[in-house]
Amino acid sequence: MALYVKDSEVDAMASRLAEIRKISKTEALRQALRRELAEQENAPSRIDEARTFIRALNAGRDKSKTPPLTKDFIDSLYE
């Protein structure tokens, strides 16, 4: 199946990469797409990023200054 690049900027980037690496434009695009796919597939999910962020926040807070979570406190949130 053929891939037609209609965007002149994309064509120029593929040509430049192919020229630098001394490979065909097809091979340059193949390598670039493989690299991008591998990066995206190995990237942490949004959930993993959120968990890491929350752990960092919790590690930096002073737990002795946090009031205990009581029924009265929870009830006050809904008043």
C-alpha atoms as a PDB file:
ATOM      1  CA  MET A   1       0.000   0.000   0.000  1.00  0.00           C
ATOM      2  CA  ALA A   2       1.376   3.395  -0.937  1.00  0.00           C
ATOM      3  CA  LEU A   3       1.742   6.373   1.348  1.00  0.00           C
ATOM      4  CA  TYR A   4       1.553   9.730  -0.356  1.00  0.00           C
ATOM      5  CA  VAL A   5       2.955  12.654   1.587  1.00  0.00           C
ATOM      6  CA  LYS A   6       1.031  15.739   0.575  1.00  0.00           C
ATOM      7  CA  ASP A   7       2.621  18.095   3.085  1.00  0.00           C
ATOM      8  CA  SER A   8       5.762  19.774   1.724  1.00  0.00           C
ATOM      9  CA  GLU A   9       7.190  20.317   5.229  1.00  0.00           C
ATOM     10  CA  VAL A  10       6.865  16.617   6.092  1.00  0.00           C
ATOM     11  CA  ASP A  11       8.415  15.685   2.749  1.00  0.00           C
ATOM     12  CA  ALA A  12      11.320  18.059   3.395  1.00  0.00           C
ATOM     13  CA  MET A  13      11.893  16.631   6.890  1.00  0.00           C
ATOM     14  CA  ALA A  14      11.855  13.079   5.548  1.00  0.00           C
ATOM     15  CA  SER A  15      14.303  14.068   2.808  1.00  0.00           C
ATOM     16  CA  ARG A  16      16.611  15.769   5.289  1.00  0.00           C
ATOM     17  CA  LEU A  17      16.605  12.811   7.683  1.00  0.00           C
ATOM     18  CA  ALA A  18      17.225  10.414   4.812  1.00  0.00           C
ATOM     19  CA  GLU A  19      20.107  12.581   3.619  1.00  0.00           C
ATOM     20  CA  ILE A  20      21.704  12.799   7.064  1.00  0.00           C
ATOM     21  CA  ARG A  21      21.451   9.046   7.656  1.00  0.00           C
ATOM     22  CA  LYS A  22      22.257   8.095   4.054  1.00  0.00           C
ATOM     23  CA  ILE A  23      19.082   6.035   3.738  1.00  0.00           C
ATOM     24  CA  SER A  24      15.899   6.202   1.672  1.00  0.00           C
ATOM     25  CA  LYS A  25      12.974   8.400   2.681  1.00  0.00           C
ATOM     26  CA  THR A  26      10.926   5.260   3.271  1.00  0.00           C
ATOM     27  CA  GLU A  27      13.522   3.902   5.683  1.00  0.00           C
ATOM     28  CA  ALA A  28      13.836   7.299   7.396  1.00  0.00           C
ATOM     29  CA  LEU A  29      10.078   7.400   7.986  1.00  0.00           C
ATOM     30  CA  ARG A  30      10.060   3.754   9.136  1.00  0.00           C
ATOM     31  CA  GLN A  31      12.778   4.426  11.718  1.00  0.00           C
ATOM     32  CA  ALA A  32      11.159   7.644  12.915  1.00  0.00           C
ATOM     33  CA  LEU A  33       7.759   5.985  13.289  1.00  0.00           C
ATOM     34  CA  ARG A  34       9.224   2.964  15.090  1.00  0.00           C
ATOM     35  CA  ARG A  35      11.062   5.235  17.516  1.00  0.00           C
ATOM     36  CA  GLU A  36       7.942   7.316  18.189  1.00  0.00           C
ATOM     37  CA  LEU A  37       5.761   4.230  18.667  1.00  0.00           C
ATOM     38  CA  ALA A  38       8.266   2.682  21.082  1.00  0.00           C
ATOM     39  CA  GLU A  39       8.417   5.926  23.046  1.00  0.00           C
ATOM     40  CA  GLN A  40       4.631   6.199  23.261  1.00  0.00           C
ATOM     41  CA  GLU A  41       4.160   2.548  24.193  1.00  0.00           C
ATOM     42  CA  ASN A  42       6.757   2.791  26.972  1.00  0.00           C
ATOM     43  CA  ALA A  43       5.532   6.120  28.310  1.00  0.00           C
ATOM     44  CA  PRO A  44       3.863   6.043  31.725  1.00  0.00           C
ATOM     45  CA  SER A  45       0.080   6.313  31.693  1.00  0.00           C
ATOM     46  CA  ARG A  46      -1.699   9.371  33.065  1.00  0.00           C
ATOM     47  CA  ILE A  47      -2.672   7.284  36.081  1.00  0.00           C
ATOM     48  CA  ASP A  48       0.961   6.381  36.767  1.00  0.00           C
ATOM     49  CA  GLU A  49       1.958  10.044  36.440  1.00  0.00           C
ATOM     50  CA  ALA A  50      -0.810  11.071  38.849  1.00  0.00           C
ATOM     51  CA  ARG A  51       0.237   8.441  41.383  1.00  0.00           C
ATOM     52  CA  THR A  52       3.844   9.620  41.212  1.00  0.00           C
ATOM     53  CA  PHE A  53       2.719  13.229  41.669  1.00  0.00           C
ATOM     54  CA  ILE A  54       0.533  12.379  44.678  1.00  0.00           C
ATOM     55  CA  ARG A  55       3.321  10.347  46.290  1.00  0.00           C
ATOM     56  CA  ALA A  56       5.685  13.303  45.875  1.00  0.00           C
ATOM     57  CA  LEU A  57       3.124  15.643  47.448  1.00  0.00           C
ATOM     58  CA  ASN A  58       2.563  13.273  50.360  1.00  0.00           C
ATOM     59  CA  ALA A  59       6.301  12.817  50.918  1.00  0.00           C
ATOM     60  CA  GLY A  60       6.784  16.554  51.232  1.00  0.00           C
ATOM     61  CA  ARG A  61       4.004  17.369  53.682  1.00  0.00           C
ATOM     62  CA  ASP A  62       4.290  17.496  57.454  1.00  0.00           C
ATOM     63  CA  LYS A  63       1.843  14.873  58.680  1.00  0.00           C
ATOM     64  CA  SER A  64       1.976  16.186  62.259  1.00  0.00           C
ATOM     65  CA  LYS A  65       0.238  19.384  61.084  1.00  0.00           C
ATOM     66  CA  THR A  66      -2.601  17.501  59.408  1.00  0.00           C
ATOM     67  CA  PRO A  67      -5.717  17.354  61.577  1.00  0.00           C
ATOM     68  CA  PRO A  68      -7.244  13.929  62.116  1.00  0.00           C
ATOM     69  CA  LEU A  69     -10.044  12.936  59.795  1.00  0.00           C
ATOM     70  CA  THR A  70     -13.096  12.759  62.035  1.00  0.00           C
ATOM     71  CA  LYS A  71     -16.793  12.362  61.436  1.00  0.00           C
ATOM     72  CA  ASP A  72     -17.373  15.961  62.541  1.00  0.00           C
ATOM     73  CA  PHE A  73     -14.870  17.212  59.972  1.00  0.00           C
ATOM     74  CA  ILE A  74     -16.453  15.145  57.182  1.00  0.00           C
ATOM     75  CA  ASP A  75     -19.920  16.332  58.158  1.00  0.00           C
ATOM     76  CA  SER A  76     -18.713  19.939  58.079  1.00  0.00           C
ATOM     77  CA  LEU A  77     -17.782  19.519  54.414  1.00  0.00           C
ATOM     78  CA  TYR A  78     -21.414  18.943  53.502  1.00  0.00           C
ATOM     79  CA  GLU A  79     -22.940  21.831  55.473  1.00  0.00           C
END
